[in-house]
Protein backbone atom coordinates (compact mmCIF):
# COMPACT_ATOMS: atom_id res chain seq x y z
CA MET A 1 128.59 -146.06 136.78
CA LYS A 2 129.70 -143.03 139.01
CA VAL A 3 128.78 -142.58 142.32
CA ARG A 4 126.67 -139.62 141.31
CA ASP A 5 124.31 -141.88 139.63
CA VAL A 6 123.37 -143.70 142.74
CA MET A 7 124.11 -140.86 145.56
CA ASN A 8 121.26 -139.76 147.71
CA PRO A 9 121.43 -135.89 147.02
CA ASP A 10 119.25 -134.97 150.31
CA ALA A 11 121.93 -135.78 153.04
CA CYS A 12 120.70 -134.97 156.42
CA VAL A 13 123.75 -132.51 157.41
CA VAL A 14 124.36 -130.20 160.59
CA SER A 15 126.61 -127.07 160.64
CA LEU A 16 129.83 -126.33 162.50
CA ASP A 17 127.66 -124.54 165.05
CA ASP A 18 124.81 -126.56 165.69
CA THR A 19 124.59 -128.47 169.25
CA ALA A 20 125.35 -131.79 169.99
CA GLN A 21 122.17 -132.14 170.85
CA GLN A 22 120.77 -131.15 167.78
CA ALA A 23 122.75 -133.60 165.97
CA ALA A 24 121.76 -136.66 168.21
CA THR A 25 118.11 -135.74 167.53
CA LEU A 26 118.78 -135.48 163.74
CA MET A 27 120.52 -138.88 164.15
CA ALA A 28 117.66 -140.38 166.17
CA GLU A 29 114.99 -139.06 164.02
CA ASN A 30 116.82 -140.50 160.81
CA ASP A 31 118.17 -143.61 162.02
CA ILE A 32 121.62 -143.08 161.45
CA ALA A 33 124.84 -142.88 163.12
CA SER A 34 126.67 -139.96 161.70
CA LEU A 35 126.22 -136.73 159.87
CA PRO A 36 128.25 -134.79 157.54
CA VAL A 37 129.35 -131.35 158.95
CA VAL A 38 129.05 -128.29 156.53
CA ASP A 39 130.75 -125.14 156.82
CA GLU A 40 129.10 -123.00 153.98
CA GLY A 41 128.26 -126.18 151.82
CA GLN A 42 131.65 -127.26 152.11
CA LEU A 43 132.53 -130.67 154.01
CA ALA A 44 134.28 -129.81 157.26
CA GLY A 45 134.06 -133.30 159.09
CA VAL A 46 131.69 -136.09 160.14
CA VAL A 47 130.14 -136.17 163.88
CA SER A 48 129.09 -139.34 164.78
CA ASP A 49 126.98 -140.84 167.80
CA ARG A 50 130.21 -142.43 169.07
CA ASP A 51 131.80 -138.62 168.90
CA ILE A 52 128.70 -137.22 170.93
CA ALA A 53 128.82 -140.40 173.41
CA LEU A 54 132.74 -140.15 174.18
CA ASN A 55 133.35 -136.37 173.86
CA VAL A 56 130.07 -134.75 175.31
CA VAL A 57 128.28 -137.41 177.53
CA ALA A 58 131.50 -139.37 178.89
CA GLU A 59 133.44 -136.24 179.73
CA GLY A 60 130.09 -134.67 181.44
CA ARG A 61 129.90 -131.92 178.64
CA SER A 62 126.58 -129.84 177.93
CA ALA A 63 124.45 -131.10 175.28
CA SER A 64 124.79 -127.42 174.24
CA THR A 65 128.57 -128.16 173.03
CA SER A 66 129.04 -127.36 169.25
CA VAL A 67 129.48 -129.81 166.76
CA ARG A 68 132.93 -128.13 165.84
CA ASP A 69 134.12 -129.21 169.32
CA VAL A 70 133.37 -132.85 168.83
CA MET A 71 133.32 -133.88 165.13
CA THR A 72 136.16 -135.49 163.29
CA SER A 73 137.47 -133.15 161.16
CA ARG A 74 139.39 -135.70 159.05
CA ALA A 75 136.36 -137.21 157.57
CA ILE A 76 136.80 -140.14 154.93
CA TYR A 77 134.65 -139.00 151.72
CA CYS A 78 134.45 -139.91 147.79
CA ILE A 79 134.15 -137.58 144.77
CA ASP A 80 130.89 -137.62 142.85
CA ASP A 81 132.72 -138.71 139.60
CA GLU A 82 134.54 -141.76 141.33
CA ASP A 83 133.62 -145.20 139.84
CA VAL A 84 130.90 -146.48 142.43
CA ASP A 85 132.14 -150.10 142.56
CA ASP A 86 135.63 -148.89 143.42
CA VAL A 87 134.06 -146.61 146.42
CA LEU A 88 131.61 -149.58 147.45
CA SER A 89 134.61 -151.79 147.93
CA ARG A 90 136.58 -149.05 149.78
CA MET A 91 133.34 -148.74 152.26
CA ALA A 92 133.42 -152.49 152.64
CA ARG A 93 136.97 -152.57 153.78
CA LEU A 94 136.77 -149.48 156.22
CA ALA A 95 133.27 -151.22 157.54
CA SER A 96 131.59 -147.95 156.62
CA ASN A 97 127.88 -147.88 155.45
CA ARG A 98 127.61 -144.12 154.60
CA LEU A 99 130.15 -141.92 153.12
CA PRO A 100 129.65 -137.89 152.28
CA VAL A 101 130.03 -137.49 148.57
CA VAL A 102 131.64 -133.89 147.52
CA ASP A 103 132.54 -132.26 144.20
CA HIS A 104 136.17 -131.48 143.20
CA GLY A 105 135.67 -128.23 144.88
CA GLY A 106 135.05 -130.09 148.28
CA LYS A 107 131.20 -128.84 148.36
CA LEU A 108 128.99 -131.62 149.98
CA VAL A 109 126.56 -132.90 147.05
CA GLY A 110 125.07 -136.12 148.52
CA ILE A 111 125.60 -139.24 150.64
CA LEU A 112 126.48 -142.61 149.27
CA ILE A 113 124.78 -145.62 151.20
CA ARG A 114 125.91 -149.07 151.32
CA ARG A 115 123.02 -151.68 151.86
């Protein structure tokens, strides 16, 4: 079975120019700890509640700080045609419950959730 067969194609996302406050609000509304960051549909990184806590709150920066300034740009992701069992094993090793899913062109196509 492939990742595309079990992923959620309706991932909550933010863009590079969204604010840390917008990202935090979206995380709170959806009870999630991280969001894929997209730039014209391409995965640009991931922003987490920890990124916001350490890079905005702890540094006394404004809630209007852009996501691009606090995100992790070297995001861990999977490709939609990978074997789902292999990816779930990798997620377990990384202690990750959510992983962005991209196609071979780098376009974000969904999110894989490990339960």
